């Protein structure tokens, strides 16, 4: 139980990253055509907002996990 609590942020980050990666693939392959058809190009930011790496963590205190996403 201690290990789970200690590694909660890393586990949540990895699970969410996998889920959002799947959503990104579906968006890029199938949904982008439908979204463009009904919403137009004005809503292309919606896909970027959906796959924002900040959504992978439970709180911003887990910033060490995000260093790989935003490193230069």
C-alpha atoms as a PDB file:
ATOM      1  CA  UNK A   1       0.000   0.000   0.000  1.00  0.00           C
ATOM      2  CA  UNK A   2       2.875   2.348   0.795  1.00  0.00           C
ATOM      3  CA  UNK A   3       4.456   1.678  -2.616  1.00  0.00           C
ATOM      4  CA  UNK A   4       1.171   2.500  -4.360  1.00  0.00           C
ATOM      5  CA  UNK A   5       0.807   5.775  -2.482  1.00  0.00           C
ATOM      6  CA  UNK A   6       4.434   6.669  -3.125  1.00  0.00           C
ATOM      7  CA  UNK A   7       4.183   5.995  -6.865  1.00  0.00           C
ATOM      8  CA  UNK A   8       0.623   7.242  -7.375  1.00  0.00           C
ATOM      9  CA  UNK A   9       1.593  10.229  -9.527  1.00  0.00           C
ATOM     10  CA  UNK A  10       3.844   8.155 -11.783  1.00  0.00           C
ATOM     11  CA  UNK A  11       1.200   5.456 -12.217  1.00  0.00           C
ATOM     12  CA  UNK A  12      -1.526   7.983 -12.942  1.00  0.00           C
ATOM     13  CA  UNK A  13       0.735   9.839 -15.361  1.00  0.00           C
ATOM     14  CA  UNK A  14       1.570   6.699 -17.339  1.00  0.00           C
ATOM     15  CA  UNK A  15      -2.019   5.450 -17.482  1.00  0.00           C
ATOM     16  CA  UNK A  16      -3.349   8.843 -18.543  1.00  0.00           C
ATOM     17  CA  UNK A  17      -0.589   9.218 -21.123  1.00  0.00           C
ATOM     18  CA  UNK A  18      -1.588   5.909 -22.694  1.00  0.00           C
ATOM     19  CA  UNK A  19      -5.279   6.846 -22.704  1.00  0.00           C
ATOM     20  CA  UNK A  20      -4.676  10.265 -24.236  1.00  0.00           C
ATOM     21  CA  UNK A  21      -2.296   8.754 -26.808  1.00  0.00           C
ATOM     22  CA  UNK A  22      -5.101   6.462 -27.931  1.00  0.00           C
ATOM     23  CA  UNK A  23      -7.481   9.423 -28.116  1.00  0.00           C
ATOM     24  CA  UNK A  24      -4.932  11.312 -30.197  1.00  0.00           C
ATOM     25  CA  UNK A  25      -4.629   8.419 -32.653  1.00  0.00           C
ATOM     26  CA  UNK A  26      -8.409   8.205 -33.040  1.00  0.00           C
ATOM     27  CA  UNK A  27      -8.592  11.974 -33.508  1.00  0.00           C
ATOM     28  CA  UNK A  28      -5.866  11.988 -36.149  1.00  0.00           C
ATOM     29  CA  UNK A  29      -7.194   9.013 -38.102  1.00  0.00           C
ATOM     30  CA  UNK A  30     -10.983   9.250 -37.834  1.00  0.00           C
ATOM     31  CA  UNK A  31     -12.409  12.150 -35.896  1.00  0.00           C
ATOM     32  CA  UNK A  32     -10.514  15.004 -37.537  1.00  0.00           C
ATOM     33  CA  UNK A  33     -12.556  14.605 -40.728  1.00  0.00           C
ATOM     34  CA  UNK A  34     -15.827  14.680 -38.802  1.00  0.00           C
ATOM     35  CA  UNK A  35     -14.704  17.566 -36.592  1.00  0.00           C
ATOM     36  CA  UNK A  36     -13.658  19.623 -39.616  1.00  0.00           C
ATOM     37  CA  UNK A  37     -16.905  18.813 -41.379  1.00  0.00           C
ATOM     38  CA  UNK A  38     -19.133  20.001 -38.545  1.00  0.00           C
ATOM     39  CA  UNK A  39     -17.003  22.548 -36.696  1.00  0.00           C
ATOM     40  CA  UNK A  40     -14.684  23.862 -39.375  1.00  0.00           C
ATOM     41  CA  UNK A  41     -11.047  24.788 -39.020  1.00  0.00           C
ATOM     42  CA  UNK A  42     -11.795  27.252 -36.212  1.00  0.00           C
ATOM     43  CA  UNK A  43     -11.897  24.385 -33.724  1.00  0.00           C
ATOM     44  CA  UNK A  44      -8.582  22.699 -34.539  1.00  0.00           C
ATOM     45  CA  UNK A  45      -7.341  23.842 -31.130  1.00  0.00           C
ATOM     46  CA  UNK A  46      -9.753  21.352 -29.535  1.00  0.00           C
ATOM     47  CA  UNK A  47      -7.545  18.403 -30.483  1.00  0.00           C
ATOM     48  CA  UNK A  48      -4.466  20.157 -29.090  1.00  0.00           C
ATOM     49  CA  UNK A  49      -6.301  20.932 -25.860  1.00  0.00           C
ATOM     50  CA  UNK A  50      -7.394  17.313 -25.548  1.00  0.00           C
ATOM     51  CA  UNK A  51      -3.849  15.948 -25.760  1.00  0.00           C
ATOM     52  CA  UNK A  52      -2.250  18.546 -23.487  1.00  0.00           C
ATOM     53  CA  UNK A  53       0.331  16.764 -21.290  1.00  0.00           C
ATOM     54  CA  UNK A  54      -0.799  18.774 -18.262  1.00  0.00           C
ATOM     55  CA  UNK A  55      -3.899  16.569 -18.239  1.00  0.00           C
ATOM     56  CA  UNK A  56      -1.754  13.513 -17.515  1.00  0.00           C
ATOM     57  CA  UNK A  57      -1.065  14.458 -13.893  1.00  0.00           C
ATOM     58  CA  UNK A  58      -3.343  14.734 -10.898  1.00  0.00           C
ATOM     59  CA  UNK A  59      -1.868  18.051  -9.814  1.00  0.00           C
ATOM     60  CA  UNK A  60       0.865  20.435 -10.791  1.00  0.00           C
ATOM     61  CA  UNK A  61       3.060  19.264  -7.928  1.00  0.00           C
ATOM     62  CA  UNK A  62       3.910  16.282 -10.156  1.00  0.00           C
ATOM     63  CA  UNK A  63       5.982  18.531 -12.393  1.00  0.00           C
ATOM     64  CA  UNK A  64       9.025  16.221 -12.460  1.00  0.00           C
ATOM     65  CA  UNK A  65       6.928  13.845 -14.560  1.00  0.00           C
ATOM     66  CA  UNK A  66       6.258  16.577 -17.101  1.00  0.00           C
ATOM     67  CA  UNK A  67       9.904  17.467 -17.643  1.00  0.00           C
ATOM     68  CA  UNK A  68      10.138  14.959 -20.493  1.00  0.00           C
ATOM     69  CA  UNK A  69       7.114  16.511 -22.196  1.00  0.00           C
ATOM     70  CA  UNK A  70       8.350  20.103 -22.076  1.00  0.00           C
ATOM     71  CA  UNK A  71      12.120  19.730 -22.242  1.00  0.00           C
ATOM     72  CA  UNK A  72      13.953  21.642 -24.940  1.00  0.00           C
END
